[in-house]
Amino acid sequence: MITTKGRYALRVMIDLAENENGEYIPLKDIAARQEISKKYLEIIVKEMVNGKLITGASGKGGGYKLCRAPEDYTVGEIIELMEGSLATVSCLAKDTNDCPHASTCRTLPLWEEYDHMVHDFFYGKKLTDLTRK
């Protein structure tokens, strides 16, 4: 399940893309437009800065802006940064040890196919697919 953290991160990215003017955009403005608590967004944008999706500046004229052009972001990278692995089952997560039953598991092909569909769907969507521009 995609949590509010992942969904709100997408909304922040969309907001930054749609309101890009070369300047940093204050978090209070994003929070107001998106009707999301500024306090909660502070937690989210910190992770996004650490993940190098956005850059931030403090002080007068501070705020946040995208590190790259909006068309260079995939929805998948944003969601995975905020949510972790999109793997359906734990044995397919990247940081999980190989399952001892993988060679005989009758359901593994089902989960692999499903995971490929989810991955291809989210990584096939660009941030610009979600903007009005």
N, C-alpha and C. Protein backbone atom coordinates (compact mmCIF):
# COMPACT_ATOMS: atom_id res chain seq x y z
N MET A 1 0.84 -1.17 0.00
CA MET A 1 0.00 0.00 0.00
C MET A 1 0.89 1.24 0.00
N ILE A 2 0.53 2.21 -0.79
CA ILE A 2 1.23 3.49 -0.83
C ILE A 2 0.64 4.35 0.30
N THR A 3 1.49 4.82 1.20
CA THR A 3 1.03 5.60 2.35
C THR A 3 0.88 7.07 1.97
N THR A 4 0.41 7.86 2.94
CA THR A 4 0.30 9.30 2.71
C THR A 4 1.66 9.90 2.41
N LYS A 5 2.71 9.35 2.99
CA LYS A 5 4.05 9.89 2.75
C LYS A 5 4.39 9.82 1.26
N GLY A 6 4.14 8.70 0.63
CA GLY A 6 4.40 8.55 -0.80
C GLY A 6 3.48 9.41 -1.65
N ARG A 7 2.21 9.45 -1.28
CA ARG A 7 1.25 10.25 -2.05
C ARG A 7 1.54 11.74 -1.91
N TYR A 8 1.86 12.18 -0.71
CA TYR A 8 2.17 13.59 -0.50
C TYR A 8 3.47 13.98 -1.18
N ALA A 9 4.44 13.09 -1.20
CA ALA A 9 5.70 13.38 -1.90
C ALA A 9 5.41 13.62 -3.38
N LEU A 10 4.55 12.83 -3.97
CA LEU A 10 4.17 13.05 -5.37
C LEU A 10 3.51 14.41 -5.54
N ARG A 11 2.63 14.77 -4.61
CA ARG A 11 1.95 16.06 -4.69
C ARG A 11 2.94 17.22 -4.56
N VAL A 12 3.94 17.07 -3.70
CA VAL A 12 4.98 18.10 -3.57
C VAL A 12 5.75 18.24 -4.88
N MET A 13 6.11 17.11 -5.45
CA MET A 13 6.86 17.14 -6.71
C MET A 13 6.04 17.77 -7.83
N ILE A 14 4.77 17.45 -7.90
CA ILE A 14 3.89 18.04 -8.91
C ILE A 14 3.80 19.55 -8.68
N ASP A 15 3.62 19.94 -7.43
CA ASP A 15 3.52 21.36 -7.09
C ASP A 15 4.79 22.10 -7.48
N LEU A 16 5.94 21.53 -7.17
CA LEU A 16 7.21 22.17 -7.53
C LEU A 16 7.36 22.28 -9.04
N ALA A 17 6.94 21.25 -9.77
CA ALA A 17 7.04 21.27 -11.23
C ALA A 17 6.10 22.32 -11.83
N GLU A 18 4.89 22.40 -11.32
CA GLU A 18 3.90 23.33 -11.88
C GLU A 18 4.16 24.79 -11.51
N ASN A 19 4.86 25.00 -10.41
CA ASN A 19 5.09 26.37 -9.94
C ASN A 19 6.54 26.81 -10.09
N GLU A 20 7.30 26.06 -10.85
CA GLU A 20 8.73 26.35 -11.05
C GLU A 20 8.89 27.69 -11.75
N ASN A 21 9.74 28.54 -11.14
CA ASN A 21 10.01 29.85 -11.73
C ASN A 21 11.49 30.22 -11.57
N GLY A 22 12.32 29.22 -11.27
CA GLY A 22 13.74 29.47 -11.07
C GLY A 22 14.09 29.82 -9.64
N GLU A 23 13.09 30.12 -8.83
CA GLU A 23 13.29 30.50 -7.44
C GLU A 23 12.92 29.32 -6.53
N TYR A 24 13.38 29.38 -5.30
CA TYR A 24 12.96 28.39 -4.31
C TYR A 24 11.52 28.69 -3.92
N ILE A 25 10.75 27.64 -3.74
CA ILE A 25 9.34 27.79 -3.39
C ILE A 25 9.17 27.48 -1.91
N PRO A 26 8.65 28.45 -1.14
CA PRO A 26 8.49 28.24 0.30
C PRO A 26 7.56 27.06 0.61
N LEU A 27 7.93 26.30 1.63
CA LEU A 27 7.14 25.14 2.02
C LEU A 27 5.73 25.55 2.45
N LYS A 28 5.61 26.71 3.06
CA LYS A 28 4.29 27.17 3.50
C LYS A 28 3.36 27.35 2.29
N ASP A 29 3.90 27.76 1.16
CA ASP A 29 3.10 27.93 -0.05
C ASP A 29 2.64 26.58 -0.58
N ILE A 30 3.56 25.61 -0.59
CA ILE A 30 3.22 24.26 -1.05
C ILE A 30 2.15 23.68 -0.13
N ALA A 31 2.36 23.80 1.19
CA ALA A 31 1.42 23.26 2.17
C ALA A 31 0.03 23.87 1.98
N ALA A 32 -0.01 25.17 1.74
CA ALA A 32 -1.30 25.84 1.56
C ALA A 32 -1.99 25.37 0.28
N ARG A 33 -1.26 25.31 -0.81
CA ARG A 33 -1.86 24.87 -2.08
C ARG A 33 -2.33 23.43 -2.02
N GLN A 34 -1.55 22.58 -1.34
CA GLN A 34 -1.86 21.16 -1.29
C GLN A 34 -2.76 20.78 -0.11
N GLU A 35 -3.01 21.76 0.76
CA GLU A 35 -3.83 21.53 1.96
C GLU A 35 -3.28 20.36 2.79
N ILE A 36 -1.97 20.42 3.02
CA ILE A 36 -1.27 19.42 3.81
C ILE A 36 -0.55 20.16 4.93
N SER A 37 -0.51 19.57 6.10
CA SER A 37 0.18 20.15 7.25
C SER A 37 1.65 20.46 6.91
N LYS A 38 2.06 21.69 7.17
CA LYS A 38 3.45 22.09 6.93
C LYS A 38 4.39 21.24 7.76
N LYS A 39 3.99 20.93 8.98
CA LYS A 39 4.83 20.12 9.88
C LYS A 39 5.07 18.73 9.27
N TYR A 40 4.04 18.12 8.72
CA TYR A 40 4.19 16.81 8.10
C TYR A 40 5.04 16.92 6.83
N LEU A 41 4.85 17.98 6.07
CA LEU A 41 5.64 18.16 4.86
C LEU A 41 7.12 18.36 5.17
N GLU A 42 7.42 18.96 6.31
CA GLU A 42 8.83 19.14 6.70
C GLU A 42 9.55 17.79 6.79
N ILE A 43 8.87 16.80 7.32
CA ILE A 43 9.43 15.44 7.43
C ILE A 43 9.63 14.85 6.04
N ILE A 44 8.64 15.02 5.19
CA ILE A 44 8.68 14.45 3.84
C ILE A 44 9.78 15.10 2.99
N VAL A 45 9.84 16.43 3.00
CA VAL A 45 10.83 17.10 2.14
C VAL A 45 12.25 16.84 2.62
N LYS A 46 12.44 16.62 3.91
CA LYS A 46 13.77 16.28 4.40
C LYS A 46 14.26 14.98 3.76
N GLU A 47 13.39 13.99 3.69
CA GLU A 47 13.74 12.72 3.03
C GLU A 47 13.98 12.93 1.54
N MET A 48 13.20 13.80 0.94
CA MET A 48 13.34 14.06 -0.50
C MET A 48 14.65 14.78 -0.80
N VAL A 49 15.07 15.68 0.09
CA VAL A 49 16.37 16.35 -0.07
C VAL A 49 17.49 15.33 0.10
N ASN A 50 17.40 14.51 1.15
CA ASN A 50 18.42 13.48 1.38
C ASN A 50 18.50 12.50 0.22
N GLY A 51 17.37 12.24 -0.44
CA GLY A 51 17.33 11.35 -1.59
C GLY A 51 17.66 12.04 -2.90
N LYS A 52 17.99 13.32 -2.83
CA LYS A 52 18.41 14.12 -3.99
C LYS A 52 17.33 14.27 -5.06
N LEU A 53 16.07 14.26 -4.63
CA LEU A 53 14.97 14.56 -5.55
C LEU A 53 14.78 16.07 -5.66
N ILE A 54 14.95 16.75 -4.52
CA ILE A 54 14.79 18.19 -4.48
C ILE A 54 15.97 18.80 -3.71
N THR A 55 16.09 20.11 -3.84
CA THR A 55 17.11 20.84 -3.09
C THR A 55 16.40 21.90 -2.27
N GLY A 56 16.98 22.24 -1.14
CA GLY A 56 16.37 23.23 -0.27
C GLY A 56 17.34 24.31 0.12
N ALA A 57 16.78 25.45 0.47
CA ALA A 57 17.57 26.58 0.96
C ALA A 57 16.80 27.22 2.10
N SER A 58 17.51 27.61 3.15
CA SER A 58 16.84 28.25 4.28
C SER A 58 17.04 29.75 4.23
N GLY A 59 16.30 30.43 5.07
CA GLY A 59 16.42 31.88 5.15
C GLY A 59 15.52 32.59 4.16
N LYS A 60 15.74 33.90 4.05
CA LYS A 60 14.93 34.72 3.13
C LYS A 60 15.14 34.23 1.70
N GLY A 61 14.05 34.02 1.01
CA GLY A 61 14.13 33.51 -0.35
C GLY A 61 14.33 32.00 -0.40
N GLY A 62 14.24 31.36 0.76
CA GLY A 62 14.44 29.92 0.83
C GLY A 62 13.19 29.14 0.48
N GLY A 63 13.36 27.85 0.44
CA GLY A 63 12.28 26.95 0.10
C GLY A 63 12.85 25.74 -0.60
N TYR A 64 12.12 25.23 -1.57
CA TYR A 64 12.52 24.00 -2.26
C TYR A 64 12.33 24.14 -3.75
N LYS A 65 13.13 23.40 -4.49
CA LYS A 65 12.94 23.30 -5.94
C LYS A 65 13.49 21.95 -6.41
N LEU A 66 13.08 21.57 -7.59
CA LEU A 66 13.52 20.31 -8.18
C LEU A 66 15.01 20.36 -8.50
N CYS A 67 15.66 19.22 -8.41
CA CYS A 67 17.08 19.12 -8.78
C CYS A 67 17.25 18.94 -10.29
N ARG A 68 16.23 18.38 -10.93
CA ARG A 68 16.30 18.08 -12.36
C ARG A 68 15.02 18.60 -13.03
N ALA A 69 15.01 18.50 -14.33
CA ALA A 69 13.81 18.87 -15.08
C ALA A 69 12.68 17.88 -14.74
N PRO A 70 11.44 18.33 -14.68
CA PRO A 70 10.33 17.46 -14.32
C PRO A 70 10.23 16.18 -15.17
N GLU A 71 10.58 16.28 -16.44
CA GLU A 71 10.49 15.10 -17.31
C GLU A 71 11.58 14.06 -17.01
N ASP A 72 12.53 14.41 -16.17
CA ASP A 72 13.61 13.48 -15.82
C ASP A 72 13.31 12.65 -14.58
N TYR A 73 12.15 12.86 -13.97
CA TYR A 73 11.75 12.09 -12.78
C TYR A 73 10.72 11.05 -13.17
N THR A 74 10.84 9.86 -12.60
CA THR A 74 9.78 8.86 -12.77
C THR A 74 8.98 8.79 -11.47
N VAL A 75 7.72 8.45 -11.60
CA VAL A 75 6.87 8.27 -10.43
C VAL A 75 7.45 7.16 -9.55
N GLY A 76 7.98 6.12 -10.19
CA GLY A 76 8.55 5.00 -9.44
C GLY A 76 9.68 5.40 -8.52
N GLU A 77 10.58 6.24 -8.98
CA GLU A 77 11.71 6.63 -8.13
C GLU A 77 11.24 7.46 -6.94
N ILE A 78 10.22 8.26 -7.13
CA ILE A 78 9.69 9.08 -6.04
C ILE A 78 9.02 8.19 -5.00
N ILE A 79 8.18 7.29 -5.46
CA ILE A 79 7.47 6.40 -4.54
C ILE A 79 8.45 5.49 -3.81
N GLU A 80 9.40 4.91 -4.53
CA GLU A 80 10.34 4.00 -3.86
C GLU A 80 11.22 4.72 -2.85
N LEU A 81 11.59 5.95 -3.12
CA LEU A 81 12.38 6.70 -2.13
C LEU A 81 11.58 6.84 -0.84
N MET A 82 10.31 7.15 -0.97
CA MET A 82 9.49 7.43 0.21
C MET A 82 8.96 6.17 0.88
N GLU A 83 8.69 5.13 0.10
CA GLU A 83 8.03 3.94 0.63
C GLU A 83 8.96 2.74 0.81
N GLY A 84 10.10 2.79 0.16
CA GLY A 84 10.95 1.60 0.15
C GLY A 84 10.55 0.72 -1.02
N SER A 85 10.95 -0.51 -0.97
CA SER A 85 10.70 -1.44 -2.07
C SER A 85 9.22 -1.56 -2.40
N LEU A 86 8.93 -1.65 -3.68
CA LEU A 86 7.56 -1.88 -4.12
C LEU A 86 7.26 -3.37 -4.27
N ALA A 87 8.19 -4.22 -3.83
CA ALA A 87 8.03 -5.67 -3.98
C ALA A 87 6.75 -6.13 -3.29
N THR A 88 6.03 -7.00 -3.96
CA THR A 88 4.78 -7.52 -3.45
C THR A 88 4.98 -8.46 -2.27
N VAL A 89 5.99 -9.29 -2.38
CA VAL A 89 6.30 -10.26 -1.33
C VAL A 89 7.74 -10.07 -0.89
N SER A 90 8.02 -10.39 0.34
CA SER A 90 9.35 -10.11 0.90
C SER A 90 10.48 -10.83 0.17
N CYS A 91 10.21 -12.00 -0.37
CA CYS A 91 11.29 -12.73 -1.04
C CYS A 91 11.76 -12.05 -2.32
N LEU A 92 11.01 -11.06 -2.83
CA LEU A 92 11.41 -10.34 -4.03
C LEU A 92 12.02 -8.97 -3.74
N ALA A 93 12.04 -8.58 -2.47
CA ALA A 93 12.66 -7.30 -2.11
C ALA A 93 14.16 -7.38 -2.37
N LYS A 94 14.72 -6.27 -2.82
CA LYS A 94 16.13 -6.24 -3.22
C LYS A 94 17.08 -6.59 -2.09
N ASP A 95 16.76 -6.19 -0.88
CA ASP A 95 17.67 -6.40 0.24
C ASP A 95 17.38 -7.68 1.03
N THR A 96 16.57 -8.57 0.48
CA THR A 96 16.23 -9.81 1.16
C THR A 96 17.10 -10.94 0.66
N ASN A 97 17.46 -11.81 1.56
CA ASN A 97 18.22 -13.00 1.16
C ASN A 97 17.37 -13.87 0.25
N ASP A 98 18.02 -14.65 -0.58
CA ASP A 98 17.29 -15.56 -1.46
C ASP A 98 16.46 -16.53 -0.64
N CYS A 99 15.29 -16.77 -1.11
CA CYS A 99 14.38 -17.70 -0.44
C CYS A 99 14.84 -19.13 -0.69
N PRO A 100 14.92 -19.95 0.35
CA PRO A 100 15.35 -21.34 0.15
C PRO A 100 14.34 -22.16 -0.66
N HIS A 101 13.14 -21.66 -0.82
CA HIS A 101 12.10 -22.37 -1.56
C HIS A 101 11.92 -21.86 -2.99
N ALA A 102 12.74 -20.92 -3.40
CA ALA A 102 12.56 -20.27 -4.70
C ALA A 102 12.55 -21.26 -5.86
N SER A 103 13.40 -22.26 -5.79
CA SER A 103 13.48 -23.21 -6.91
C SER A 103 12.25 -24.10 -7.03
N THR A 104 11.49 -24.23 -5.96
CA THR A 104 10.31 -25.10 -5.99
C THR A 104 9.00 -24.34 -5.75
N CYS A 105 9.10 -23.05 -5.53
CA CYS A 105 7.90 -22.25 -5.21
C CYS A 105 7.01 -22.15 -6.44
N ARG A 106 5.77 -22.58 -6.28
CA ARG A 106 4.83 -22.56 -7.39
C ARG A 106 4.19 -21.20 -7.59
N THR A 107 4.30 -20.33 -6.57
CA THR A 107 3.69 -18.99 -6.69
C THR A 107 4.70 -17.91 -7.09
N LEU A 108 5.99 -18.20 -7.01
CA LEU A 108 7.00 -17.18 -7.30
C LEU A 108 6.83 -16.55 -8.69
N PRO A 109 6.57 -17.33 -9.74
CA PRO A 109 6.38 -16.70 -11.06
C PRO A 109 5.22 -15.70 -11.08
N LEU A 110 4.17 -15.99 -10.33
CA LEU A 110 3.04 -15.07 -10.24
C LEU A 110 3.47 -13.75 -9.63
N TRP A 111 4.19 -13.80 -8.51
CA TRP A 111 4.65 -12.59 -7.83
C TRP A 111 5.67 -11.83 -8.68
N GLU A 112 6.53 -12.54 -9.36
CA GLU A 112 7.51 -11.88 -10.23
C GLU A 112 6.82 -11.14 -11.37
N GLU A 113 5.83 -11.77 -11.98
CA GLU A 113 5.10 -11.12 -13.07
C GLU A 113 4.36 -9.88 -12.58
N TYR A 114 3.73 -10.02 -11.42
CA TYR A 114 3.01 -8.89 -10.85
C TYR A 114 3.97 -7.75 -10.51
N ASP A 115 5.10 -8.07 -9.91
CA ASP A 115 6.09 -7.05 -9.57
C ASP A 115 6.61 -6.33 -10.81
N HIS A 116 6.82 -7.07 -11.88
CA HIS A 116 7.28 -6.43 -13.13
C HIS A 116 6.23 -5.46 -13.66
N MET A 117 4.95 -5.84 -13.56
CA MET A 117 3.88 -4.94 -14.02
C MET A 117 3.85 -3.66 -13.19
N VAL A 118 3.95 -3.81 -11.86
CA VAL A 118 3.93 -2.64 -10.97
C VAL A 118 5.15 -1.76 -11.26
N HIS A 119 6.32 -2.37 -11.35
CA HIS A 119 7.55 -1.61 -11.62
C HIS A 119 7.44 -0.87 -12.95
N ASP A 120 7.05 -1.59 -13.99
CA ASP A 120 6.96 -0.98 -15.32
C ASP A 120 5.91 0.14 -15.34
N PHE A 121 4.83 -0.03 -14.60
CA PHE A 121 3.79 1.00 -14.56
C PHE A 121 4.34 2.27 -13.93
N PHE A 122 4.89 2.18 -12.72
CA PHE A 122 5.35 3.37 -12.01
C PHE A 122 6.60 3.98 -12.63
N TYR A 123 7.51 3.15 -13.12
CA TYR A 123 8.71 3.69 -13.74
C TYR A 123 8.47 4.14 -15.18
N GLY A 124 7.33 3.77 -15.74
CA GLY A 124 6.96 4.23 -17.08
C GLY A 124 6.23 5.57 -17.07
N LYS A 125 5.89 6.05 -15.88
CA LYS A 125 5.19 7.34 -15.74
C LYS A 125 6.21 8.40 -15.31
N LYS A 126 6.20 9.51 -16.00
CA LYS A 126 7.06 10.64 -15.67
C LYS A 126 6.29 11.64 -14.81
N LEU A 127 7.02 12.44 -14.07
CA LEU A 127 6.38 13.48 -13.27
C LEU A 127 5.53 14.38 -14.17
N THR A 128 6.01 14.64 -15.36
CA THR A 128 5.25 15.51 -16.28
C THR A 128 3.94 14.88 -16.72
N ASP A 129 3.79 13.57 -16.60
CA ASP A 129 2.50 12.94 -16.91
C ASP A 129 1.43 13.34 -15.91
N LEU A 130 1.86 13.85 -14.75
CA LEU A 130 0.92 14.21 -13.69
C LEU A 130 0.70 15.72 -13.58
N THR A 131 1.44 16.49 -14.37
CA THR A 131 1.30 17.95 -14.29
C THR A 131 0.33 18.46 -15.34
N ARG A 132 -0.11 19.67 -15.12
CA ARG A 132 -1.04 20.31 -16.07
C ARG A 132 -0.33 20.91 -17.25
N LYS A 133 0.98 21.03 -17.17
CA LYS A 133 1.74 21.68 -18.24
C LYS A 133 2.00 20.75 -19.39
